Amino acid sequence: MKSAPHARAAKRAASRRSRPATEPGIEADIARRVRRAKPGTVFTPALFVDAGSRAAIDKALQRLVARGELRRLSRGLYDKPRQDALLGTLWPSVDAIVSALTGKDKLRLQPTGAYAANLLGLSDQVPARVEFLTDGTSRTVKVGPMQIVLKRTTPRQMAAAGRTSGLVIQALRSLGPEHVTPQRVSRLRRTIPADQRRTLLEDLPLAPGWMQPTLRALASD
């Protein structure tokens, strides 16, 4: 039978072996990638999956946070902070966050709601809740004052994702027919190039009936 001191020593040794250690090569590799990235870049552990085990990657990211090279935004989400001489440390852009969330899966995303209207200049409101339709998994991520919402939807809703028509349809849908004024239509005609406006006709069947006359008017020269 082992003595009590020997038993405690064996227990400590076993505990050390069970802890996820950061291998020096893995930490150095991740640190090198972070230093090469532009300020404002957002990372997830999945982006470093080729570097080593998940436990080692998580430990390396924790140490980079402790050294101030990364900032933890939320669970499994980090950024290399941007600095502004007047505003101080800035939050990352929506595009940078979404790019990290979609990662290597290359999920399709479609801006929707007030964010879609803002992207087209139809609203000056900068929404704190930014919504995207997706063919991937639904999830919500809170980053500082922003809430990024990915909502799984139907194939029909995603049919025009990544095209001008998809953005226009979602923006007009968020405004509603009573707020699609001649002034807003004129603004879209000025901001969307003519060749892109003509492509709206290709996705006309994807738009609700009340919106189709507006899309035809936008598509005309």
Protein backbone atom coordinates (compact mmCIF):
# COMPACT_ATOMS: atom_id res chain seq x y z
CA MET A 1 0.00 0.00 0.00
CA LYS A 2 1.30 3.46 -0.91
CA SER A 3 1.97 5.95 1.87
CA ALA A 4 -0.19 9.06 2.01
CA PRO A 5 2.59 11.39 0.66
CA HIS A 6 3.27 9.00 -2.21
CA ALA A 7 -0.44 8.74 -3.00
CA ARG A 8 -0.80 12.52 -3.07
CA ALA A 9 2.23 12.86 -5.35
CA ALA A 10 0.86 10.24 -7.74
CA LYS A 11 -2.50 12.02 -7.78
CA ARG A 12 -0.84 15.36 -8.61
CA ALA A 13 1.17 13.76 -11.43
CA ALA A 14 -1.96 12.17 -12.89
CA SER A 15 -3.76 15.51 -12.66
CA ARG A 16 -0.96 17.25 -14.57
CA ARG A 17 -1.07 14.60 -17.28
CA SER A 18 -4.85 15.08 -17.68
CA ARG A 19 -4.67 18.87 -18.06
CA PRO A 20 -4.77 20.25 -21.59
CA ALA A 21 -1.29 21.61 -22.17
CA THR A 22 -0.38 24.17 -24.79
CA GLU A 23 2.33 22.71 -26.95
CA PRO A 24 4.95 25.42 -27.66
CA GLY A 25 4.75 24.89 -31.42
CA ILE A 26 0.95 25.26 -31.46
CA GLU A 27 0.97 28.44 -29.39
CA ALA A 28 3.76 29.95 -31.50
CA ASP A 29 1.91 29.09 -34.72
CA ILE A 30 -1.36 30.68 -33.55
CA ALA A 31 0.45 33.73 -32.16
CA ARG A 32 2.24 34.19 -35.48
CA ARG A 33 -1.05 34.10 -37.42
CA VAL A 34 -2.66 36.58 -35.06
CA ARG A 35 0.26 39.00 -35.35
CA ARG A 36 0.13 38.85 -39.14
CA ALA A 37 -3.61 39.54 -39.22
CA LYS A 38 -4.97 43.05 -39.60
CA PRO A 39 -6.43 44.80 -36.54
CA GLY A 40 -10.16 44.12 -36.47
CA THR A 41 -9.81 40.51 -37.60
CA VAL A 42 -12.09 38.10 -35.76
CA PHE A 43 -11.08 34.53 -34.91
CA THR A 44 -12.73 31.34 -33.70
CA PRO A 45 -10.93 28.18 -32.51
CA ALA A 46 -12.14 26.44 -35.69
CA LEU A 47 -9.92 28.71 -37.78
CA PHE A 48 -6.86 27.09 -36.16
CA VAL A 49 -8.05 23.49 -36.37
CA ASP A 50 -4.99 22.54 -38.42
CA ALA A 51 -2.65 23.70 -35.63
CA GLY A 52 -3.40 20.99 -33.07
CA SER A 53 -5.96 19.67 -30.60
CA ARG A 54 -8.93 21.79 -29.55
CA ALA A 55 -7.71 21.82 -25.95
CA ALA A 56 -4.29 23.14 -26.98
CA ILE A 57 -5.86 25.73 -29.29
CA ASP A 58 -8.18 26.98 -26.52
CA LYS A 59 -5.24 27.27 -24.13
CA ALA A 60 -3.18 29.20 -26.68
CA LEU A 61 -6.04 31.63 -27.28
CA GLN A 62 -6.46 32.12 -23.53
CA ARG A 63 -2.78 33.03 -23.21
CA LEU A 64 -2.99 35.48 -26.12
CA VAL A 65 -5.94 37.12 -24.37
CA ALA A 66 -3.94 37.32 -21.13
CA ARG A 67 -1.10 39.02 -23.02
CA GLY A 68 -3.48 41.51 -24.65
CA GLU A 69 -2.88 40.30 -28.20
CA LEU A 70 -6.46 39.08 -28.49
CA ARG A 71 -9.74 40.16 -26.92
CA ARG A 72 -12.43 37.64 -25.99
CA LEU A 73 -15.71 38.86 -27.50
CA SER A 74 -17.93 35.98 -26.43
CA ARG A 75 -17.67 32.24 -26.05
CA GLY A 76 -15.42 30.93 -28.82
CA LEU A 77 -15.04 34.34 -30.48
CA TYR A 78 -11.97 36.60 -30.33
CA ASP A 79 -10.65 39.63 -32.16
CA LYS A 80 -7.41 41.50 -32.68
CA PRO A 81 -8.57 44.90 -31.40
CA ARG A 82 -8.53 47.99 -33.59
CA GLN A 83 -7.40 51.24 -32.03
CA ASP A 84 -8.55 54.75 -32.87
CA ALA A 85 -6.74 57.86 -31.68
CA LEU A 86 -10.01 59.51 -30.59
CA LEU A 87 -12.38 56.63 -29.87
CA GLY A 88 -9.94 54.19 -28.32
CA THR A 89 -10.53 50.45 -28.76
CA LEU A 90 -13.15 49.75 -31.43
CA TRP A 91 -15.51 46.83 -31.80
CA PRO A 92 -15.00 44.66 -34.90
CA SER A 93 -17.16 45.18 -37.97
CA VAL A 94 -20.24 43.10 -38.65
CA ASP A 95 -18.56 41.67 -41.76
CA ALA A 96 -15.53 40.53 -39.75
CA ILE A 97 -17.71 38.82 -37.14
CA VAL A 98 -19.89 37.08 -39.70
CA SER A 99 -16.86 35.96 -41.72
CA ALA A 100 -15.45 34.27 -38.61
CA LEU A 101 -18.79 32.69 -37.69
CA THR A 102 -19.27 31.14 -41.12
CA GLY A 103 -15.62 30.07 -41.22
CA LYS A 104 -14.62 27.32 -43.58
CA ASP A 105 -18.19 26.07 -43.95
CA LYS A 106 -18.86 28.84 -46.48
CA LEU A 107 -22.45 29.17 -45.34
CA ARG A 108 -24.66 31.41 -47.42
CA LEU A 109 -25.95 34.49 -45.63
CA GLN A 110 -28.58 37.02 -46.62
CA PRO A 111 -28.79 40.36 -44.75
CA THR A 112 -32.35 41.03 -43.70
CA GLY A 113 -34.45 43.43 -41.65
CA ALA A 114 -33.24 46.90 -40.74
CA TYR A 115 -29.65 45.93 -41.56
CA ALA A 116 -30.54 45.21 -45.20
CA ALA A 117 -32.30 48.57 -45.46
CA ASN A 118 -29.28 50.30 -43.92
CA LEU A 119 -26.87 48.67 -46.38
CA LEU A 120 -28.86 50.09 -49.28
CA GLY A 121 -29.08 53.56 -47.76
CA LEU A 122 -32.86 53.28 -47.23
CA SER A 123 -32.49 53.86 -43.52
CA ASP A 124 -30.04 55.91 -41.48
CA GLN A 125 -30.69 53.69 -38.49
CA VAL A 126 -27.70 51.56 -37.50
CA PRO A 127 -29.39 48.58 -35.84
CA ALA A 128 -27.95 47.09 -32.67
CA ARG A 129 -29.53 43.78 -33.71
CA VAL A 130 -28.14 42.66 -37.06
CA GLU A 131 -29.99 39.78 -38.71
CA PHE A 132 -28.99 37.38 -41.45
CA LEU A 133 -30.94 34.57 -43.04
CA THR A 134 -28.86 31.42 -43.52
CA ASP A 135 -29.04 27.86 -44.78
CA GLY A 136 -26.87 26.86 -41.83
CA THR A 137 -27.53 26.61 -38.11
CA SER A 138 -29.42 29.33 -36.27
CA ARG A 139 -27.41 31.11 -33.59
CA THR A 140 -27.15 34.44 -31.79
CA VAL A 141 -23.89 36.07 -30.76
CA LYS A 142 -23.59 39.19 -28.62
CA VAL A 143 -20.51 41.31 -29.28
CA GLY A 144 -20.34 44.48 -27.20
CA PRO A 145 -23.39 46.59 -28.09
CA MET A 146 -24.22 44.40 -31.12
CA GLN A 147 -26.28 41.28 -31.42
CA ILE A 148 -25.59 39.16 -34.51
CA VAL A 149 -28.48 36.83 -35.33
CA LEU A 150 -28.26 34.03 -37.90
CA LYS A 151 -31.71 32.62 -38.65
CA ARG A 152 -32.12 29.38 -40.56
CA THR A 153 -34.74 29.80 -43.26
CA THR A 154 -36.30 28.10 -46.29
CA PRO A 155 -34.51 27.44 -49.60
CA ARG A 156 -36.87 29.93 -51.27
CA GLN A 157 -35.79 32.73 -48.92
CA MET A 158 -32.15 31.91 -49.69
CA ALA A 159 -32.57 31.54 -53.45
CA ALA A 160 -31.32 35.08 -54.16
CA ALA A 161 -28.68 35.20 -51.39
CA GLY A 162 -25.53 37.01 -52.44
CA ARG A 163 -27.25 38.84 -55.28
CA THR A 164 -28.50 42.43 -55.48
CA SER A 165 -32.06 41.18 -55.79
CA GLY A 166 -31.81 39.30 -52.49
CA LEU A 167 -30.69 42.41 -50.63
CA VAL A 168 -33.34 44.62 -52.27
CA ILE A 169 -36.15 42.14 -51.59
CA GLN A 170 -35.21 41.80 -47.92
CA ALA A 171 -34.77 45.57 -47.47
CA LEU A 172 -38.16 46.39 -49.01
CA ARG A 173 -39.80 43.58 -47.04
CA SER A 174 -38.47 45.09 -43.81
CA LEU A 175 -39.88 48.52 -44.70
CA GLY A 176 -43.30 47.25 -45.76
CA PRO A 177 -45.40 48.51 -48.71
CA GLU A 178 -46.53 51.66 -46.90
CA HIS A 179 -42.93 52.84 -46.50
CA VAL A 180 -41.65 52.07 -50.00
CA THR A 181 -42.01 55.68 -51.14
CA PRO A 182 -41.10 57.23 -54.51
CA GLN A 183 -38.20 58.97 -52.76
CA ARG A 184 -36.77 55.65 -51.57
CA VAL A 185 -37.23 54.08 -55.00
CA SER A 186 -35.38 57.03 -56.56
CA ARG A 187 -32.57 56.59 -54.08
CA LEU A 188 -32.21 52.93 -55.03
CA ARG A 189 -32.08 53.90 -58.71
CA ARG A 190 -29.19 56.25 -57.91
CA THR A 191 -27.24 53.91 -55.66
CA ILE A 192 -27.62 50.61 -57.56
CA PRO A 193 -25.83 50.50 -60.94
CA ALA A 194 -28.10 50.02 -63.96
CA ASP A 195 -26.65 46.62 -64.88
CA GLN A 196 -27.40 45.33 -61.36
CA ARG A 197 -30.89 46.81 -61.38
CA ARG A 198 -31.70 44.94 -64.59
CA THR A 199 -30.93 41.63 -62.89
CA LEU A 200 -33.84 42.21 -60.49
CA LEU A 201 -36.19 40.84 -63.15
CA GLU A 202 -34.49 37.44 -62.97
CA ASP A 203 -35.62 36.99 -59.37
CA LEU A 204 -39.02 38.64 -59.70
CA PRO A 205 -40.92 35.41 -58.81
CA LEU A 206 -39.11 35.33 -55.44
CA ALA A 207 -40.62 38.67 -54.37
CA PRO A 208 -44.10 39.07 -52.86
CA GLY A 209 -46.78 40.37 -55.23
CA TRP A 210 -46.95 43.85 -53.73
CA MET A 211 -43.21 44.34 -54.32
CA GLN A 212 -43.01 43.21 -57.93
CA PRO A 213 -44.12 46.51 -59.57
CA THR A 214 -41.41 48.31 -57.59
CA LEU A 215 -38.77 45.86 -58.77
CA ARG A 216 -39.92 46.26 -62.39
CA ALA A 217 -39.67 50.04 -62.02
CA LEU A 218 -36.17 49.73 -60.58
CA ALA A 219 -35.07 47.42 -63.39
CA SER A 220 -36.17 49.82 -66.12
CA ASP A 221 -33.67 52.33 -67.51
